[in-house]
PDB file of N, CA and C in Angstrom:
ATOM      1  N   MET A   1     128.613 160.621  76.793  1.00  0.00           N
ATOM      2  CA  MET A   1     127.938 159.804  75.970  1.00  0.00           C
ATOM      3  C   MET A   1     127.626 161.005  74.908  1.00  0.00           C
ATOM      4  N   THR A   2     127.953 160.676  73.391  1.00  0.00           N
ATOM      5  CA  THR A   2     127.479 161.304  72.227  1.00  0.00           C
ATOM      6  C   THR A   2     125.985 161.330  72.141  1.00  0.00           C
ATOM      7  N   THR A   3     125.629 162.690  72.085  1.00  0.00           N
ATOM      8  CA  THR A   3     124.108 162.911  71.622  1.00  0.00           C
ATOM      9  C   THR A   3     123.770 162.750  70.412  1.00  0.00           C
ATOM     10  N   HIS A   4     124.661 163.302  69.719  1.00  0.00           N
ATOM     11  CA  HIS A   4     124.203 163.589  67.926  1.00  0.00           C
ATOM     12  C   HIS A   4     125.408 162.956  67.386  1.00  0.00           C
ATOM     13  N   VAL A   5     124.903 162.276  65.960  1.00  0.00           N
ATOM     14  CA  VAL A   5     125.730 161.460  65.032  1.00  0.00           C
ATOM     15  C   VAL A   5     125.657 161.766  63.696  1.00  0.00           C
ATOM     16  N   LEU A   6     126.467 161.474  62.917  1.00  0.00           N
ATOM     17  CA  LEU A   6     126.433 161.502  61.240  1.00  0.00           C
ATOM     18  C   LEU A   6     126.464 160.062  60.836  1.00  0.00           C
ATOM     19  N   ALA A   7     125.460 159.252  60.195  1.00  0.00           N
ATOM     20  CA  ALA A   7     125.345 157.986  59.723  1.00  0.00           C
ATOM     21  C   ALA A   7     125.708 158.143  58.529  1.00  0.00           C
ATOM     22  N   CYS A   8     126.384 157.446  57.568  1.00  0.00           N
ATOM     23  CA  CYS A   8     126.597 156.951  56.332  1.00  0.00           C
ATOM     24  C   CYS A   8     126.574 155.966  55.788  1.00  0.00           C
ATOM     25  N   THR A   9     125.607 155.931  54.536  1.00  0.00           N
ATOM     26  CA  THR A   9     126.059 154.827  53.631  1.00  0.00           C
ATOM     27  C   THR A   9     126.078 155.115  52.338  1.00  0.00           C
ATOM     28  N   THR A  10     126.429 153.880  51.515  1.00  0.00           N
ATOM     29  CA  THR A  10     126.623 154.217  50.143  1.00  0.00           C
ATOM     30  C   THR A  10     125.348 152.835  49.086  1.00  0.00           C
ATOM     31  N   THR A  11     125.145 153.747  48.083  1.00  0.00           N
ATOM     32  CA  THR A  11     124.220 152.779  47.339  1.00  0.00           C
ATOM     33  C   THR A  11     124.746 153.241  45.921  1.00  0.00           C
ATOM     34  N   ASP A  12     123.835 152.133  45.018  1.00  0.00           N
ATOM     35  CA  ASP A  12     124.547 151.946  43.579  1.00  0.00           C
ATOM     36  C   ASP A  12     123.908 152.882  42.673  1.00  0.00           C
ATOM     37  N   SER A  13     123.002 153.641  43.048  1.00  0.00           N
ATOM     38  CA  SER A  13     122.212 154.397  41.924  1.00  0.00           C
ATOM     39  C   SER A  13     121.736 156.114  43.018  1.00  0.00           C
ATOM     40  N   GLU A  14     121.569 157.204  42.163  1.00  0.00           N
ATOM     41  CA  GLU A  14     120.902 158.137  42.678  1.00  0.00           C
ATOM     42  C   GLU A  14     119.700 158.046  42.866  1.00  0.00           C
ATOM     43  N   GLN A  15     118.663 157.260  42.506  1.00  0.00           N
ATOM     44  CA  GLN A  15     117.591 157.116  42.635  1.00  0.00           C
ATOM     45  C   GLN A  15     117.268 156.412  44.129  1.00  0.00           C
ATOM     46  N   SER A  16     118.188 155.335  44.302  1.00  0.00           N
ATOM     47  CA  SER A  16     118.121 154.572  45.617  1.00  0.00           C
ATOM     48  C   SER A  16     119.055 155.539  46.621  1.00  0.00           C
ATOM     49  N   ALA A  17     119.691 156.435  46.490  1.00  0.00           N
ATOM     50  CA  ALA A  17     120.390 157.270  47.561  1.00  0.00           C
ATOM     51  C   ALA A  17     118.998 158.010  48.117  1.00  0.00           C
ATOM     52  N   ARG A  18     118.327 159.030  46.976  1.00  0.00           N
ATOM     53  CA  ARG A  18     117.233 159.676  47.246  1.00  0.00           C
ATOM     54  C   ARG A  18     116.083 159.029  48.254  1.00  0.00           C
ATOM     55  N   GLU A  19     115.997 157.412  47.478  1.00  0.00           N
ATOM     56  CA  GLU A  19     114.857 156.791  48.261  1.00  0.00           C
ATOM     57  C   GLU A  19     115.085 156.535  49.510  1.00  0.00           C
ATOM     58  N   LEU A  20     116.333 156.030  50.110  1.00  0.00           N
ATOM     59  CA  LEU A  20     116.634 156.238  51.179  1.00  0.00           C
ATOM     60  C   LEU A  20     116.837 157.262  52.431  1.00  0.00           C
ATOM     61  N   ALA A  21     117.036 158.303  51.415  1.00  0.00           N
ATOM     62  CA  ALA A  21     117.069 159.386  52.154  1.00  0.00           C
ATOM     63  C   ALA A  21     116.032 160.047  52.913  1.00  0.00           C
ATOM     64  N   ALA A  22     115.077 160.091  51.633  1.00  0.00           N
ATOM     65  CA  ALA A  22     113.483 160.604  52.094  1.00  0.00           C
ATOM     66  C   ALA A  22     112.924 159.642  53.036  1.00  0.00           C
ATOM     67  N   SER A  23     112.816 158.373  52.704  1.00  0.00           N
ATOM     68  CA  SER A  23     112.139 157.377  53.710  1.00  0.00           C
ATOM     69  C   SER A  23     112.887 157.685  55.277  1.00  0.00           C
ATOM     70  N   ALA A  24     114.136 157.777  55.574  1.00  0.00           N
ATOM     71  CA  ALA A  24     114.303 158.150  56.802  1.00  0.00           C
ATOM     72  C   ALA A  24     113.817 159.539  57.470  1.00  0.00           C
ATOM     73  N   ILE A  25     113.897 160.413  56.392  1.00  0.00           N
ATOM     74  CA  ILE A  25     113.436 161.782  56.761  1.00  0.00           C
ATOM     75  C   ILE A  25     111.724 161.553  57.043  1.00  0.00           C
ATOM     76  N   GLU A  26     111.068 161.093  56.444  1.00  0.00           N
ATOM     77  CA  GLU A  26     109.861 160.969  56.374  1.00  0.00           C
ATOM     78  C   GLU A  26     109.525 160.154  57.854  1.00  0.00           C
ATOM     79  N   ALA A  27     110.031 159.085  58.290  1.00  0.00           N
ATOM     80  CA  ALA A  27     110.202 158.398  59.337  1.00  0.00           C
ATOM     81  C   ALA A  27     110.541 159.070  60.539  1.00  0.00           C
ATOM     82  N   ARG A  28     111.118 160.265  60.523  1.00  0.00           N
ATOM     83  CA  ARG A  28     111.637 161.184  61.385  1.00  0.00           C
ATOM     84  C   ARG A  28     112.916 160.233  62.274  1.00  0.00           C
ATOM     85  N   LEU A  29     113.493 159.742  61.620  1.00  0.00           N
ATOM     86  CA  LEU A  29     114.720 158.753  61.805  1.00  0.00           C
ATOM     87  C   LEU A  29     116.003 159.706  61.905  1.00  0.00           C
ATOM     88  N   ALA A  30     115.896 160.770  60.956  1.00  0.00           N
ATOM     89  CA  ALA A  30     116.665 161.866  60.777  1.00  0.00           C
ATOM     90  C   ALA A  30     116.580 163.163  60.411  1.00  0.00           C
ATOM     91  N   ALA A  31     117.016 164.188  60.492  1.00  0.00           N
ATOM     92  CA  ALA A  31     116.616 165.780  60.478  1.00  0.00           C
ATOM     93  C   ALA A  31     117.033 166.077  59.151  1.00  0.00           C
ATOM     94  N   CYS A  32     118.200 165.485  58.736  1.00  0.00           N
ATOM     95  CA  CYS A  32     118.150 165.746  57.299  1.00  0.00           C
ATOM     96  C   CYS A  32     119.096 164.643  56.575  1.00  0.00           C
ATOM     97  N   ALA A  33     119.203 164.352  55.514  1.00  0.00           N
ATOM     98  CA  ALA A  33     119.947 163.668  54.806  1.00  0.00           C
ATOM     99  C   ALA A  33     120.550 164.233  53.394  1.00  0.00           C
ATOM    100  N   GLN A  34     122.021 163.788  53.302  1.00  0.00           N
ATOM    101  CA  GLN A  34     122.474 164.538  52.024  1.00  0.00           C
ATOM    102  C   GLN A  34     122.923 163.383  51.388  1.00  0.00           C
ATOM    103  N   VAL A  35     122.729 163.770  49.721  1.00  0.00           N
ATOM    104  CA  VAL A  35     123.007 162.758  48.792  1.00  0.00           C
ATOM    105  C   VAL A  35     124.357 163.410  48.025  1.00  0.00           C
ATOM    106  N   GLU A  36     125.358 162.749  48.114  1.00  0.00           N
ATOM    107  CA  GLU A  36     126.289 163.216  47.113  1.00  0.00           C
ATOM    108  C   GLU A  36     126.977 161.920  46.106  1.00  0.00           C
ATOM    109  N   GLY A  37     127.323 162.053  45.320  1.00  0.00           N
ATOM    110  CA  GLY A  37     127.839 161.576  44.088  1.00  0.00           C
ATOM    111  C   GLY A  37     127.500 162.177  42.628  1.00  0.00           C
ATOM    112  N   PRO A  38     127.934 161.156  41.672  1.00  0.00           N
ATOM    113  CA  PRO A  38     128.659 159.754  41.955  1.00  0.00           C
ATOM    114  C   PRO A  38     130.224 159.763  42.634  1.00  0.00           C
ATOM    115  N   ILE A  39     130.381 158.701  43.180  1.00  0.00           N
ATOM    116  CA  ILE A  39     131.530 158.421  43.744  1.00  0.00           C
ATOM    117  C   ILE A  39     132.257 156.980  43.412  1.00  0.00           C
ATOM    118  N   THR A  40     133.609 157.174  43.453  1.00  0.00           N
ATOM    119  CA  THR A  40     134.168 155.916  42.837  1.00  0.00           C
ATOM    120  C   THR A  40     134.514 155.052  44.055  1.00  0.00           C
ATOM    121  N   SER A  41     134.071 153.833  44.458  1.00  0.00           N
ATOM    122  CA  SER A  41     134.520 153.290  45.736  1.00  0.00           C
ATOM    123  C   SER A  41     135.203 152.092  44.860  1.00  0.00           C
ATOM    124  N   VAL A  42     136.686 151.697  45.615  1.00  0.00           N
ATOM    125  CA  VAL A  42     137.321 150.310  45.171  1.00  0.00           C
ATOM    126  C   VAL A  42     137.258 149.741  46.682  1.00  0.00           C
ATOM    127  N   TYR A  43     137.027 148.668  46.702  1.00  0.00           N
ATOM    128  CA  TYR A  43     137.211 147.413  47.835  1.00  0.00           C
ATOM    129  C   TYR A  43     136.955 146.356  47.408  1.00  0.00           C
ATOM    130  N   ARG A  44     137.640 145.515  48.478  1.00  0.00           N
ATOM    131  CA  ARG A  44     137.400 143.723  48.282  1.00  0.00           C
ATOM    132  C   ARG A  44     136.147 143.123  48.700  1.00  0.00           C
ATOM    133  N   TRP A  45     135.437 142.316  47.900  1.00  0.00           N
ATOM    134  CA  TRP A  45     134.442 141.574  48.100  1.00  0.00           C
ATOM    135  C   TRP A  45     134.541 140.122  47.356  1.00  0.00           C
ATOM    136  N   GLN A  46     134.217 139.354  48.432  1.00  0.00           N
ATOM    137  CA  GLN A  46     134.486 138.184  48.249  1.00  0.00           C
ATOM    138  C   GLN A  46     135.624 137.555  47.276  1.00  0.00           C
ATOM    139  N   GLY A  47     136.488 137.944  47.879  1.00  0.00           N
ATOM    140  CA  GLY A  47     137.908 137.831  47.366  1.00  0.00           C
ATOM    141  C   GLY A  47     138.653 138.482  46.060  1.00  0.00           C
ATOM    142  N   GLU A  48     137.745 139.417  45.500  1.00  0.00           N
ATOM    143  CA  GLU A  48     138.188 140.128  44.715  1.00  0.00           C
ATOM    144  C   GLU A  48     138.030 141.609  44.630  1.00  0.00           C
ATOM    145  N   VAL A  49     138.951 142.712  44.163  1.00  0.00           N
ATOM    146  CA  VAL A  49     138.799 143.714  44.164  1.00  0.00           C
ATOM    147  C   VAL A  49     138.046 144.305  43.037  1.00  0.00           C
ATOM    148  N   GLU A  50     137.036 145.121  43.769  1.00  0.00           N
ATOM    149  CA  GLU A  50     135.982 145.726  42.910  1.00  0.00           C
ATOM    150  C   GLU A  50     136.171 147.321  42.461  1.00  0.00           C
ATOM    151  N   THR A  51     135.846 147.865  41.684  1.00  0.00           N
ATOM    152  CA  THR A  51     135.310 149.136  41.850  1.00  0.00           C
ATOM    153  C   THR A  51     134.160 149.285  41.313  1.00  0.00           C
ATOM    154  N   ALA A  52     133.393 150.307  41.902  1.00  0.00           N
ATOM    155  CA  ALA A  52     131.641 150.566  41.632  1.00  0.00           C
ATOM    156  C   ALA A  52     131.702 152.164  41.583  1.00  0.00           C
ATOM    157  N   THR A  53     130.599 152.855  40.739  1.00  0.00           N
ATOM    158  CA  THR A  53     130.267 153.896  41.126  1.00  0.00           C
ATOM    159  C   THR A  53     129.187 153.938  41.939  1.00  0.00           C
ATOM    160  N   GLU A  54     129.006 154.697  43.193  1.00  0.00           N
ATOM    161  CA  GLU A  54     128.033 154.887  44.050  1.00  0.00           C
ATOM    162  C   GLU A  54     127.742 156.139  44.677  1.00  0.00           C
ATOM    163  N   TRP A  55     126.601 156.496  45.201  1.00  0.00           N
ATOM    164  CA  TRP A  55     126.148 157.338  46.000  1.00  0.00           C
ATOM    165  C   TRP A  55     126.264 157.348  47.321  1.00  0.00           C
ATOM    166  N   ARG A  56     126.590 158.532  48.243  1.00  0.00           N
ATOM    167  CA  ARG A  56     126.501 158.400  49.709  1.00  0.00           C
ATOM    168  C   ARG A  56     125.451 159.139  50.228  1.00  0.00           C
ATOM    169  N   VAL A  57     125.045 158.845  51.212  1.00  0.00           N
ATOM    170  CA  VAL A  57     123.954 159.452  51.668  1.00  0.00           C
ATOM    171  C   VAL A  57     124.346 159.406  53.281  1.00  0.00           C
ATOM    172  N   THR A  58     124.481 160.823  53.688  1.00  0.00           N
ATOM    173  CA  THR A  58     124.649 161.061  55.197  1.00  0.00           C
ATOM    174  C   THR A  58     123.738 161.730  55.938  1.00  0.00           C
ATOM    175  N   TYR A  59     123.295 160.915  57.029  1.00  0.00           N
ATOM    176  CA  TYR A  59     122.214 161.632  57.632  1.00  0.00           C
ATOM    177  C   TYR A  59     122.781 162.029  59.120  1.00  0.00           C
ATOM    178  N   LYS A  60     121.781 162.849  59.416  1.00  0.00           N
ATOM    179  CA  LYS A  60     122.387 163.791  60.576  1.00  0.00           C
ATOM    180  C   LYS A  60     121.035 163.475  61.899  1.00  0.00           C
ATOM    181  N   THR A  61     121.641 162.621  63.068  1.00  0.00           N
ATOM    182  CA  THR A  61     120.142 162.287  63.571  1.00  0.00           C
ATOM    183  C   THR A  61     120.944 162.009  65.169  1.00  0.00           C
ATOM    184  N   THR A  62     120.211 161.548  65.702  1.00  0.00           N
ATOM    185  CA  THR A  62     120.727 161.416  67.570  1.00  0.00           C
ATOM    186  C   THR A  62     121.195 159.877  67.826  1.00  0.00           C
ATOM    187  N   ALA A  63     121.913 159.854  68.609  1.00  0.00           N
ATOM    188  CA  ALA A  63     122.548 158.716  69.078  1.00  0.00           C
ATOM    189  C   ALA A  63     120.998 157.662  69.312  1.00  0.00           C
ATOM    190  N   ALA A  64     120.354 158.364  70.057  1.00  0.00           N
ATOM    191  CA  ALA A  64     119.051 157.549  70.714  1.00  0.00           C
ATOM    192  C   ALA A  64     118.037 157.027  69.257  1.00  0.00           C
ATOM    193  N   ARG A  65     118.438 157.726  68.168  1.00  0.00           N
ATOM    194  CA  ARG A  65     117.304 157.136  67.045  1.00  0.00           C
ATOM    195  C   ARG A  65     118.177 156.440  65.732  1.00  0.00           C
ATOM    196  N   TYR A  66     119.428 156.314  66.273  1.00  0.00           N
ATOM    197  CA  TYR A  66     120.359 155.683  65.124  1.00  0.00           C
ATOM    198  C   TYR A  66     119.756 154.174  65.251  1.00  0.00           C
ATOM    199  N   PRO A  67     119.794 153.495  66.304  1.00  0.00           N
ATOM    200  CA  PRO A  67     119.386 152.029  66.123  1.00  0.00           C
ATOM    201  C   PRO A  67     117.673 151.703  65.405  1.00  0.00           C
ATOM    202  N   ASP A  68     117.067 152.793  65.368  1.00  0.00           N
ATOM    203  CA  ASP A  68     115.869 152.685  64.287  1.00  0.00           C
ATOM    204  C   ASP A  68     116.037 153.279  63.051  1.00  0.00           C
ATOM    205  N   LEU A  69     117.209 154.087  62.981  1.00  0.00           N
ATOM    206  CA  LEU A  69     117.782 154.500  61.714  1.00  0.00           C
ATOM    207  C   LEU A  69     118.504 153.542  60.638  1.00  0.00           C
ATOM    208  N   GLN A  70     119.242 152.621  61.707  1.00  0.00           N
ATOM    209  CA  GLN A  70     119.951 151.210  61.047  1.00  0.00           C
ATOM    210  C   GLN A  70     119.200 150.289  60.889  1.00  0.00           C
ATOM    211  N   ALA A  71     118.065 149.854  61.432  1.00  0.00           N
ATOM    212  CA  ALA A  71     116.871 148.788  60.977  1.00  0.00           C
ATOM    213  C   ALA A  71     116.315 149.417  60.234  1.00  0.00           C
ATOM    214  N   HIS A  72     115.687 150.345  60.009  1.00  0.00           N
ATOM    215  CA  HIS A  72     115.384 150.921  58.558  1.00  0.00           C
ATOM    216  C   HIS A  72     116.148 150.823  57.559  1.00  0.00           C
ATOM    217  N   LEU A  73     117.201 151.327  57.655  1.00  0.00           N
ATOM    218  CA  LEU A  73     118.273 150.744  56.226  1.00  0.00           C
ATOM    219  C   LEU A  73     118.729 149.797  55.607  1.00  0.00           C
ATOM    220  N   LEU A  74     118.607 148.775  56.867  1.00  0.00           N
ATOM    221  CA  LEU A  74     119.073 147.645  56.722  1.00  0.00           C
ATOM    222  C   LEU A  74     117.315 146.775  55.972  1.00  0.00           C
ATOM    223  N   ALA A  75     116.564 147.154  56.482  1.00  0.00           N
ATOM    224  CA  ALA A  75     115.178 146.653  55.545  1.00  0.00           C
ATOM    225  C   ALA A  75     115.100 147.001  54.379  1.00  0.00           C
ATOM    226  N   ARG A  76     115.774 148.052  53.818  1.00  0.00           N
ATOM    227  CA  ARG A  76     115.556 148.989  52.165  1.00  0.00           C
ATOM    228  C   ARG A  76     116.634 148.766  51.804  1.00  0.00           C
ATOM    229  N   HIS A  77     117.597 148.828  52.064  1.00  0.00           N
ATOM    230  CA  HIS A  77     118.946 148.875  51.452  1.00  0.00           C
ATOM    231  C   HIS A  77     119.242 147.592  50.473  1.00  0.00           C
ATOM    232  N   PRO A  78     119.727 148.008  48.902  1.00  0.00           N
ATOM    233  CA  PRO A  78     119.509 146.926  48.066  1.00  0.00           C
ATOM    234  C   PRO A  78     120.819 145.890  48.408  1.00  0.00           C
ATOM    235  N   TYR A  79     121.843 146.605  48.961  1.00  0.00           N
ATOM    236  CA  TYR A  79     123.082 145.736  49.151  1.00  0.00           C
ATOM    237  C   TYR A  79     122.892 144.698  50.018  1.00  0.00           C
ATOM    238  N   ASP A  80     123.401 143.354  50.196  1.00  0.00           N
ATOM    239  CA  ASP A  80     123.588 142.507  51.229  1.00  0.00           C
ATOM    240  C   ASP A  80     124.587 142.997  52.335  1.00  0.00           C
ATOM    241  N   THR A  81     125.355 143.625  52.292  1.00  0.00           N
ATOM    242  CA  THR A  81     126.119 143.959  53.413  1.00  0.00           C
ATOM    243  C   THR A  81     126.352 145.663  53.132  1.00  0.00           C
ATOM    244  N   PRO A  82     125.170 146.590  53.686  1.00  0.00           N
ATOM    245  CA  PRO A  82     125.410 147.696  53.301  1.00  0.00           C
ATOM    246  C   PRO A  82     126.417 148.378  54.325  1.00  0.00           C
ATOM    247  N   GLU A  83     127.173 149.389  53.700  1.00  0.00           N
ATOM    248  CA  GLU A  83     128.222 150.413  54.534  1.00  0.00           C
ATOM    249  C   GLU A  83     127.135 151.288  55.793  1.00  0.00           C
ATOM    250  N   LEU A  84     127.170 151.072  56.997  1.00  0.00           N
ATOM    251  CA  LEU A  84     126.495 151.540  57.852  1.00  0.00           C
ATOM    252  C   LEU A  84     127.495 152.063  58.764  1.00  0.00           C
ATOM    253  N   ILE A  85     128.083 153.186  58.840  1.00  0.00           N
ATOM    254  CA  ILE A  85     129.138 154.177  59.746  1.00  0.00           C
ATOM    255  C   ILE A  85     128.384 155.192  60.485  1.00  0.00           C
ATOM    256  N   THR A  86     128.541 155.257  62.128  1.00  0.00           N
ATOM    257  CA  THR A  86     128.479 156.450  62.512  1.00  0.00           C
ATOM    258  C   THR A  86     129.701 157.095  62.772  1.00  0.00           C
ATOM    259  N   THR A  87     129.372 158.499  62.870  1.00  0.00           N
ATOM    260  CA  THR A  87     130.598 159.327  63.483  1.00  0.00           C
ATOM    261  C   THR A  87     130.034 160.068  64.340  1.00  0.00           C
ATOM    262  N   PRO A  88     130.962 160.109  65.562  1.00  0.00           N
ATOM    263  CA  PRO A  88     130.123 161.073  66.716  1.00  0.00           C
ATOM    264  C   PRO A  88     130.134 163.021  66.119  1.00  0.00           C
ATOM    265  N   VAL A  89     129.341 163.618  66.808  1.00  0.00           N
ATOM    266  CA  VAL A  89     129.214 164.942  66.541  1.00  0.00           C
ATOM    267  C   VAL A  89     129.501 165.664  68.046  1.00  0.00           C
ATOM    268  N   THR A  90     130.776 166.004  67.900  1.00  0.00           N
ATOM    269  CA  THR A  90     131.095 166.712  68.935  1.00  0.00           C
ATOM    270  C   THR A  90     131.222 168.226  69.567  1.00  0.00           C
ATOM    271  N   GLY A  91     130.655 168.785  68.410  1.00  0.00           N
ATOM    272  CA  GLY A  91     130.370 170.173  68.525  1.00  0.00           C
ATOM    273  C   GLY A  91     129.268 170.759  67.482  1.00  0.00           C
ATOM    274  N   GLY A  92     128.540 171.998  67.662  1.00  0.00           N
ATOM    275  CA  GLY A  92     128.007 172.390  66.640  1.00  0.00           C
ATOM    276  C   GLY A  92     126.851 173.794  67.160  1.00  0.00           C
ATOM    277  N   SER A  93     126.326 174.270  66.291  1.00  0.00           N
ATOM    278  CA  SER A  93     125.758 175.049  66.382  1.00  0.00           C
ATOM    279  C   SER A  93     124.487 174.680  67.472  1.00  0.00           C
ATOM    280  N   ASP A  94     124.316 175.162  68.674  1.00  0.00           N
ATOM    281  CA  ASP A  94     123.195 175.129  69.421  1.00  0.00           C
ATOM    282  C   ASP A  94     121.996 175.149  69.023  1.00  0.00           C
ATOM    283  N   ALA A  95     121.683 175.963  68.197  1.00  0.00           N
ATOM    284  CA  ALA A  95     120.210 175.857  67.296  1.00  0.00           C
ATOM    285  C   ALA A  95     120.216 175.250  66.276  1.00  0.00           C
ATOM    286  N   TYR A  96     121.128 174.572  65.760  1.00  0.00           N
ATOM    287  CA  TYR A  96     121.120 173.593  64.708  1.00  0.00           C
ATOM    288  C   TYR A  96     121.095 172.238  65.234  1.00  0.00           C
ATOM    289  N   LEU A  97     121.779 172.041  66.673  1.00  0.00           N
ATOM    290  CA  LEU A  97     121.487 170.766  67.230  1.00  0.00           C
ATOM    291  C   LEU A  97     119.996 170.404  67.896  1.00  0.00           C
ATOM    292  N   ARG A  98     119.498 171.770  68.355  1.00  0.00           N
ATOM    293  CA  ARG A  98     118.224 171.603  68.761  1.00  0.00           C
ATOM    294  C   ARG A  98     117.159 171.439  67.968  1.00  0.00           C
ATOM    295  N   TRP A  99     117.290 172.158  66.835  1.00  0.00           N
ATOM    296  CA  TRP A  99     116.737 171.870  65.495  1.00  0.00           C
ATOM    297  C   TRP A  99     116.581 170.123  64.825  1.00  0.00           C
ATOM    298  N   LEU A 100     117.744 169.483  65.136  1.00  0.00           N
ATOM    299  CA  LEU A 100     118.054 168.281  64.939  1.00  0.00           C
ATOM    300  C   LEU A 100     117.058 167.482  65.815  1.00  0.00           C
ATOM    301  N   GLU A 101     117.546 167.808  67.007  1.00  0.00           N
ATOM    302  CA  GLU A 101     116.598 167.023  68.054  1.00  0.00           C
ATOM    303  C   GLU A 101     115.157 166.816  67.586  1.00  0.00           C
ATOM    304  N   GLU A 102     114.622 168.151  67.697  1.00  0.00           N
ATOM    305  CA  GLU A 102     113.181 168.340  67.193  1.00  0.00           C
ATOM    306  C   GLU A 102     112.654 167.771  66.508  1.00  0.00           C
ATOM    307  N   GLN A 103     113.559 167.841  65.543  1.00  0.00           N
ATOM    308  CA  GLN A 103     113.234 166.485  64.020  1.00  0.00           C
ATOM    309  C   GLN A 103     112.994 165.284  64.230  1.00  0.00           C
ATOM    310  N   VAL A 104     113.743 164.897  64.815  1.00  0.00           N
ATOM    311  CA  VAL A 104     113.569 163.410  64.992  1.00  0.00           C
ATOM    312  C   VAL A 104     112.905 162.805  66.477  1.00  0.00           C
ATOM    313  N   SER A 105     112.313 163.804  67.109  1.00  0.00           N
ATOM    314  CA  SER A 105     111.392 163.489  68.304  1.00  0.00           C
ATOM    315  C   SER A 105     109.786 163.916  67.956  1.00  0.00           C
ATOM    316  N   GLY A 106     109.710 164.621  66.673  1.00  0.00           N
ATOM    317  CA  GLY A 106     108.414 164.380  66.268  1.00  0.00           C
ATOM    318  C   GLY A 106     108.176 166.131  66.914  1.00  0.00           C
ATOM    319  N   SER A 107     108.788 166.752  67.134  1.00  0.00           N
ATOM    320  CA  SER A 107     108.279 168.019  68.293  1.00  0.00           C
ATOM    321  C   SER A 107     107.599 169.047  67.465  1.00  0.00           C
TER     322      SER A 107
END
């Protein structure tokens, strides 16, 4: 079982991305959140091909904390159907991964 994950979402503004990032860190749902953008997203929505400028937020968290992070994001996200994707972390610096665990556990 994967212990650590990267969780990703996108949103429609830098302010929204920063707020989503900060609120998750304040709630200890992730150890770190990185905001990237602007990016261009091309996707199909309600039968139409859309293009939008978005900002990506990548969270570093544990698999155990992800369900709470997901609930947190769904409650605060401005989109009807936000992107919420996780990627397992299969390796990394032992010291960093310990720090990550400490941050989300409140230790």
